[in-house]
Amino acid sequence: MNKQDAADYLNISVRTLQRLTTDGKISVGEVRGRTGMVTDYTTEDLDRYKQAEAEREANPPAKDATRYVRPHVIPSDTPLTSSSEALQRTGNDEAVTMFVSMLSDAMRAHETQGNGKVEQPSIADLSAKFSLSFGEAARLSGVPESHLRAAYSSGALRGAKIGRGVRVTPEDVKKYVDVRMKGKHGRLLEVSR
C-alpha cells in the first residue's frame, strides 16, 4: 500500500509515517511503479508497529533514577554567608527566605538612600566622569535633555556614538552652555525672573 493508505491504516499523518520510517520503527519496501520506484508498506509491517506501540503504552519504561544527580547541599546547621549558599540549600524554606531577604537588602542599599528615593550620582560625581549620557549631561548643566539631543543632532554639541547611545564630555557640555548663555555680541544674557 502507498503512504497515504498506510497513514490512514495507522490513523496518523503522512509526515508522521515518514518520520517513523526514517527512524526505522516501520519497515518499508519498494516496488517498481509506472514512473520509477514507489514505497510499499505491507499490512504485516504496519500491524507489527501497532502491536509494538500498544505494548509500549501498556508497559511504559520505568524512570531512570540514576539520571538525576542531587546538587551539593550545605548542611542546614551551617550559617549562611552568601546568597549562593542560600540557593544551594535545596528544599529549605529558611534558605529561600534568607536569599530573598539578602537580595532585597542589597537592592535597597544600592537603589535608595534613607528617604526611599532612587539614588542618583551627585553633580561632583558627574563632572568627574570622562563621558556622560544625555540624562547625566542634563542633570549637570540644567539644560533639558531634549535640548541637548537636538543640539547634538544639529552639530552644536559634540559627542560620540558608542554602541546604541551617544556620550558627551563634561567640557563639551560646558562649552555648549557657555555659548548658549552668551548673546550675539559675546555678552552674557540677562535672565529675567
C-alpha atoms as a PDB file:
ATOM      1  CA  MET A   1       0.000   0.000   0.000  1.00  0.00           C
ATOM      2  CA  ASN A   2       1.138   3.586  -0.613  1.00  0.00           C
ATOM      3  CA  LYS A   3       1.999   6.216   2.020  1.00  0.00           C
ATOM      4  CA  GLN A   4      -1.464   7.733   2.247  1.00  0.00           C
ATOM      5  CA  ASP A   5      -3.156   4.329   2.645  1.00  0.00           C
ATOM      6  CA  ALA A   6      -0.596   3.274   5.278  1.00  0.00           C
ATOM      7  CA  ALA A   7      -1.069   6.536   7.191  1.00  0.00           C
ATOM      8  CA  ASP A   8      -4.851   6.069   7.114  1.00  0.00           C
ATOM      9  CA  TYR A   9      -4.442   2.450   8.272  1.00  0.00           C
ATOM     10  CA  LEU A  10      -2.393   3.600  11.301  1.00  0.00           C
ATOM     11  CA  ASN A  11      -4.568   6.686  11.857  1.00  0.00           C
ATOM     12  CA  ILE A  12      -1.555   9.039  11.668  1.00  0.00           C
ATOM     13  CA  SER A  13      -0.411  11.733   9.241  1.00  0.00           C
ATOM     14  CA  VAL A  14       1.753  11.012   6.228  1.00  0.00           C
ATOM     15  CA  ARG A  15       4.524  13.134   7.748  1.00  0.00           C
ATOM     16  CA  THR A  16       4.461  11.070  10.955  1.00  0.00           C
ATOM     17  CA  LEU A  17       4.599   7.900   8.860  1.00  0.00           C
ATOM     18  CA  GLN A  18       7.633   9.255   7.018  1.00  0.00           C
ATOM     19  CA  ARG A  19       9.330  10.144  10.305  1.00  0.00           C
ATOM     20  CA  LEU A  20       8.658   6.661  11.747  1.00  0.00           C
ATOM     21  CA  THR A  21      10.047   5.103   8.566  1.00  0.00           C
ATOM     22  CA  THR A  22      13.161   7.277   8.731  1.00  0.00           C
ATOM     23  CA  ASP A  23      13.637   6.359  12.416  1.00  0.00           C
ATOM     24  CA  GLY A  24      13.422   2.664  11.474  1.00  0.00           C
ATOM     25  CA  LYS A  25      10.279   1.986  13.528  1.00  0.00           C
ATOM     26  CA  ILE A  26       8.333   0.922  10.441  1.00  0.00           C
ATOM     27  CA  SER A  27       9.966  -1.038   7.641  1.00  0.00           C
ATOM     28  CA  VAL A  28       9.143  -0.217   4.063  1.00  0.00           C
ATOM     29  CA  GLY A  29       9.741  -1.883   0.744  1.00  0.00           C
ATOM     30  CA  GLU A  30       9.934  -0.526  -2.757  1.00  0.00           C
ATOM     31  CA  VAL A  31       8.190  -1.733  -5.857  1.00  0.00           C
ATOM     32  CA  ARG A  32       8.502  -0.648  -9.430  1.00  0.00           C
ATOM     33  CA  GLY A  33       5.819   1.797 -10.434  1.00  0.00           C
ATOM     34  CA  ARG A  34       4.964   3.370 -13.763  1.00  0.00           C
ATOM     35  CA  THR A  35       7.442   6.223 -13.312  1.00  0.00           C
ATOM     36  CA  GLY A  36      10.041   4.641 -11.030  1.00  0.00           C
ATOM     37  CA  MET A  37      10.379   3.067  -7.600  1.00  0.00           C
ATOM     38  CA  VAL A  38       7.442   3.569  -5.211  1.00  0.00           C
ATOM     39  CA  THR A  39       7.334   2.907  -1.451  1.00  0.00           C
ATOM     40  CA  ASP A  40       5.266  -0.098  -0.457  1.00  0.00           C
ATOM     41  CA  TYR A  41       4.039  -0.733   3.085  1.00  0.00           C
ATOM     42  CA  THR A  42       2.764  -4.202   3.966  1.00  0.00           C
ATOM     43  CA  THR A  43      -0.060  -4.762   6.417  1.00  0.00           C
ATOM     44  CA  GLU A  44       2.188  -7.191   8.350  1.00  0.00           C
ATOM     45  CA  ASP A  45       4.771  -4.432   8.987  1.00  0.00           C
ATOM     46  CA  LEU A  46       2.068  -1.954   9.958  1.00  0.00           C
ATOM     47  CA  ASP A  47       0.418  -4.493  12.299  1.00  0.00           C
ATOM     48  CA  ARG A  48       3.831  -5.211  13.864  1.00  0.00           C
ATOM     49  CA  TYR A  49       4.256  -1.463  14.548  1.00  0.00           C
ATOM     50  CA  LYS A  50       0.716  -1.231  16.017  1.00  0.00           C
ATOM     51  CA  GLN A  51       1.442  -4.156  18.344  1.00  0.00           C
ATOM     52  CA  ALA A  52       4.776  -2.679  19.484  1.00  0.00           C
ATOM     53  CA  GLU A  53       3.077   0.656  20.125  1.00  0.00           C
ATOM     54  CA  ALA A  54       0.294  -1.000  22.155  1.00  0.00           C
ATOM     55  CA  GLU A  55       2.889  -2.854  24.263  1.00  0.00           C
ATOM     56  CA  ARG A  56       4.854   0.332  24.821  1.00  0.00           C
ATOM     57  CA  GLU A  57       1.718   2.125  26.029  1.00  0.00           C
ATOM     58  CA  ALA A  58       0.743  -0.788  28.274  1.00  0.00           C
ATOM     59  CA  ASN A  59       4.231  -1.041  29.814  1.00  0.00           C
ATOM     60  CA  PRO A  60       5.794   2.402  29.920  1.00  0.00           C
ATOM     61  CA  PRO A  61       9.530   2.416  30.624  1.00  0.00           C
ATOM     62  CA  ALA A  62      10.499   2.958  34.247  1.00  0.00           C
ATOM     63  CA  LYS A  63      12.013   6.291  35.092  1.00  0.00           C
ATOM     64  CA  ASP A  64      15.767   6.034  35.366  1.00  0.00           C
ATOM     65  CA  ALA A  65      16.577   7.032  38.943  1.00  0.00           C
ATOM     66  CA  THR A  66      20.299   7.187  38.223  1.00  0.00           C
ATOM     67  CA  ARG A  67      19.885  10.068  35.759  1.00  0.00           C
ATOM     68  CA  TYR A  68      19.008  12.592  38.495  1.00  0.00           C
ATOM     69  CA  VAL A  69      22.061  13.993  40.218  1.00  0.00           C
ATOM     70  CA  ARG A  70      21.354  15.697  43.506  1.00  0.00           C
ATOM     71  CA  PRO A  71      23.091  19.050  43.818  1.00  0.00           C
ATOM     72  CA  HIS A  72      25.600  19.733  46.550  1.00  0.00           C
ATOM     73  CA  VAL A  73      23.654  20.544  49.700  1.00  0.00           C
ATOM     74  CA  ILE A  74      25.076  22.609  52.535  1.00  0.00           C
ATOM     75  CA  PRO A  75      24.029  21.255  55.953  1.00  0.00           C
ATOM     76  CA  SER A  76      21.241  23.315  57.494  1.00  0.00           C
ATOM     77  CA  ASP A  77      23.168  23.939  60.739  1.00  0.00           C
ATOM     78  CA  THR A  78      25.913  25.820  58.830  1.00  0.00           C
ATOM     79  CA  PRO A  79      25.368  29.607  58.961  1.00  0.00           C
ATOM     80  CA  LEU A  80      24.761  31.308  55.642  1.00  0.00           C
ATOM     81  CA  THR A  81      27.469  33.673  54.448  1.00  0.00           C
ATOM     82  CA  SER A  82      26.312  34.361  50.911  1.00  0.00           C
ATOM     83  CA  SER A  83      23.239  34.264  48.704  1.00  0.00           C
ATOM     84  CA  SER A  84      24.732  31.428  46.656  1.00  0.00           C
ATOM     85  CA  GLU A  85      24.908  29.284  49.774  1.00  0.00           C
ATOM     86  CA  ALA A  86      21.248  30.025  50.401  1.00  0.00           C
ATOM     87  CA  LEU A  87      20.406  28.726  46.949  1.00  0.00           C
ATOM     88  CA  GLN A  88      22.468  25.579  47.495  1.00  0.00           C
ATOM     89  CA  ARG A  89      20.247  24.550  50.380  1.00  0.00           C
ATOM     90  CA  THR A  90      17.605  22.923  48.252  1.00  0.00           C
ATOM     91  CA  GLY A  91      14.242  22.179  49.746  1.00  0.00           C
ATOM     92  CA  ASN A  92      14.786  24.513  52.700  1.00  0.00           C
ATOM     93  CA  ASP A  93      12.200  27.276  53.143  1.00  0.00           C
ATOM     94  CA  GLU A  94      14.512  29.142  55.513  1.00  0.00           C
ATOM     95  CA  ALA A  95      17.188  29.320  52.801  1.00  0.00           C
ATOM     96  CA  VAL A  96      14.774  30.690  50.226  1.00  0.00           C
ATOM     97  CA  THR A  97      13.529  33.279  52.717  1.00  0.00           C
ATOM     98  CA  MET A  98      17.121  34.168  53.608  1.00  0.00           C
ATOM     99  CA  PHE A  99      18.075  34.531  49.943  1.00  0.00           C
ATOM    100  CA  VAL A 100      15.104  36.767  49.164  1.00  0.00           C
ATOM    101  CA  SER A 101      15.884  38.858  52.234  1.00  0.00           C
ATOM    102  CA  MET A 102      19.568  39.217  51.286  1.00  0.00           C
ATOM    103  CA  LEU A 103      18.634  40.107  47.715  1.00  0.00           C
ATOM    104  CA  SER A 104      16.091  42.741  48.716  1.00  0.00           C
ATOM    105  CA  ASP A 105      18.544  44.256  51.239  1.00  0.00           C
ATOM    106  CA  ALA A 106      21.211  44.501  48.546  1.00  0.00           C
ATOM    107  CA  MET A 107      18.789  46.083  46.097  1.00  0.00           C
ATOM    108  CA  ARG A 108      17.588  48.581  48.688  1.00  0.00           C
ATOM    109  CA  ALA A 109      21.146  49.524  49.656  1.00  0.00           C
ATOM    110  CA  HIS A 110      22.067  50.014  46.026  1.00  0.00           C
ATOM    111  CA  GLU A 111      18.985  51.863  44.797  1.00  0.00           C
ATOM    112  CA  THR A 112      17.844  54.039  47.648  1.00  0.00           C
ATOM    113  CA  GLN A 113      19.001  56.399  50.307  1.00  0.00           C
ATOM    114  CA  GLY A 114      17.207  56.530  53.635  1.00  0.00           C
ATOM    115  CA  ASN A 115      14.283  58.513  52.175  1.00  0.00           C
ATOM    116  CA  GLY A 116      13.241  55.831  49.685  1.00  0.00           C
ATOM    117  CA  LYS A 117      14.114  57.870  46.589  1.00  0.00           C
ATOM    118  CA  VAL A 118      16.299  56.399  43.894  1.00  0.00           C
ATOM    119  CA  GLU A 119      19.893  57.496  44.458  1.00  0.00           C
ATOM    120  CA  GLN A 120      21.433  59.472  41.618  1.00  0.00           C
ATOM    121  CA  PRO A 121      25.072  60.445  41.301  1.00  0.00           C
ATOM    122  CA  SER A 122      25.955  63.860  42.677  1.00  0.00           C
ATOM    123  CA  ILE A 123      26.886  66.763  40.419  1.00  0.00           C
ATOM    124  CA  ALA A 124      30.504  66.410  41.590  1.00  0.00           C
ATOM    125  CA  ASP A 125      30.473  62.750  40.582  1.00  0.00           C
ATOM    126  CA  LEU A 126      29.061  63.649  37.166  1.00  0.00           C
ATOM    127  CA  SER A 127      31.659  66.344  36.484  1.00  0.00           C
ATOM    128  CA  ALA A 128      34.428  63.867  37.332  1.00  0.00           C
ATOM    129  CA  LYS A 129      33.181  61.357  34.767  1.00  0.00           C
ATOM    130  CA  PHE A 130      35.013  61.118  31.453  1.00  0.00           C
ATOM    131  CA  SER A 131      31.800  60.925  29.396  1.00  0.00           C
ATOM    132  CA  LEU A 132      28.133  61.488  30.129  1.00  0.00           C
ATOM    133  CA  SER A 133      24.816  60.290  28.784  1.00  0.00           C
ATOM    134  CA  PHE A 134      22.303  62.952  27.754  1.00  0.00           C
ATOM    135  CA  GLY A 135      20.412  62.428  31.020  1.00  0.00           C
ATOM    136  CA  GLU A 136      23.568  62.936  33.085  1.00  0.00           C
ATOM    137  CA  ALA A 137      24.568  65.956  30.997  1.00  0.00           C
ATOM    138  CA  ALA A 138      21.111  67.470  31.516  1.00  0.00           C
ATOM    139  CA  ARG A 139      21.449  66.987  35.261  1.00  0.00           C
ATOM    140  CA  LEU A 140      24.928  68.524  35.269  1.00  0.00           C
ATOM    141  CA  SER A 141      24.074  71.546  33.100  1.00  0.00           C
ATOM    142  CA  GLY A 142      20.453  72.221  33.939  1.00  0.00           C
ATOM    143  CA  VAL A 143      19.612  72.180  30.221  1.00  0.00           C
ATOM    144  CA  PRO A 144      16.721  69.864  29.302  1.00  0.00           C
ATOM    145  CA  GLU A 145      17.762  66.520  27.852  1.00  0.00           C
ATOM    146  CA  SER A 146      15.663  67.121  24.722  1.00  0.00           C
ATOM    147  CA  HIS A 147      17.594  70.375  24.055  1.00  0.00           C
ATOM    148  CA  LEU A 148      20.902  68.548  24.416  1.00  0.00           C
ATOM    149  CA  ARG A 149      19.772  65.842  21.999  1.00  0.00           C
ATOM    150  CA  ALA A 150      18.654  68.487  19.490  1.00  0.00           C
ATOM    151  CA  ALA A 151      21.965  70.329  19.887  1.00  0.00           C
ATOM    152  CA  TYR A 152      23.854  67.099  19.214  1.00  0.00           C
ATOM    153  CA  SER A 153      21.698  66.394  16.140  1.00  0.00           C
ATOM    154  CA  SER A 154      22.305  69.907  14.769  1.00  0.00           C
ATOM    155  CA  GLY A 155      26.055  69.739  15.445  1.00  0.00           C
ATOM    156  CA  ALA A 156      26.088  72.464  18.132  1.00  0.00           C
ATOM    157  CA  LEU A 157      27.112  69.914  20.797  1.00  0.00           C
ATOM    158  CA  ARG A 158      29.938  67.482  20.154  1.00  0.00           C
ATOM    159  CA  GLY A 159      29.518  63.855  21.158  1.00  0.00           C
ATOM    160  CA  ALA A 160      30.410  60.312  20.197  1.00  0.00           C
ATOM    161  CA  LYS A 161      28.077  57.468  19.362  1.00  0.00           C
ATOM    162  CA  ILE A 162      29.100  54.490  21.462  1.00  0.00           C
ATOM    163  CA  GLY A 163      27.022  51.387  20.909  1.00  0.00           C
ATOM    164  CA  ARG A 164      23.397  52.459  20.814  1.00  0.00           C
ATOM    165  CA  GLY A 165      23.872  55.618  22.837  1.00  0.00           C
ATOM    166  CA  VAL A 166      25.657  58.929  22.484  1.00  0.00           C
ATOM    167  CA  ARG A 167      28.170  60.138  25.049  1.00  0.00           C
ATOM    168  CA  VAL A 168      29.313  63.716  25.569  1.00  0.00           C
ATOM    169  CA  THR A 169      32.174  65.076  27.661  1.00  0.00           C
ATOM    170  CA  PRO A 170      31.557  67.487  30.541  1.00  0.00           C
ATOM    171  CA  GLU A 171      33.856  70.001  28.804  1.00  0.00           C
ATOM    172  CA  ASP A 172      31.734  69.927  25.617  1.00  0.00           C
ATOM    173  CA  VAL A 173      28.569  70.410  27.667  1.00  0.00           C
ATOM    174  CA  LYS A 174      30.177  73.384  29.440  1.00  0.00           C
ATOM    175  CA  LYS A 175      31.228  74.929  26.104  1.00  0.00           C
ATOM    176  CA  TYR A 176      27.712  74.463  24.713  1.00  0.00           C
ATOM    177  CA  VAL A 177      26.109  76.064  27.771  1.00  0.00           C
ATOM    178  CA  ASP A 178      28.610  78.960  27.712  1.00  0.00           C
ATOM    179  CA  VAL A 179      27.920  79.665  24.028  1.00  0.00           C
ATOM    180  CA  ARG A 180      24.176  79.351  24.591  1.00  0.00           C
ATOM    181  CA  MET A 181      24.252  81.748  27.546  1.00  0.00           C
ATOM    182  CA  LYS A 182      26.118  84.447  25.565  1.00  0.00           C
ATOM    183  CA  GLY A 183      24.265  86.684  23.167  1.00  0.00           C
ATOM    184  CA  LYS A 184      25.201  87.579  19.599  1.00  0.00           C
ATOM    185  CA  HIS A 185      27.714  90.176  20.787  1.00  0.00           C
ATOM    186  CA  GLY A 186      29.514  87.923  23.279  1.00  0.00           C
ATOM    187  CA  ARG A 187      27.782  89.393  26.346  1.00  0.00           C
ATOM    188  CA  LEU A 188      26.156  87.256  28.979  1.00  0.00           C
ATOM    189  CA  LEU A 189      22.391  87.302  28.554  1.00  0.00           C
ATOM    190  CA  GLU A 190      20.349  88.562  31.447  1.00  0.00           C
ATOM    191  CA  VAL A 191      17.890  86.096  32.833  1.00  0.00           C
ATOM    192  CA  SER A 192      14.520  87.647  33.667  1.00  0.00           C
ATOM    193  CA  ARG A 193      12.725  86.332  36.692  1.00  0.00           C
END
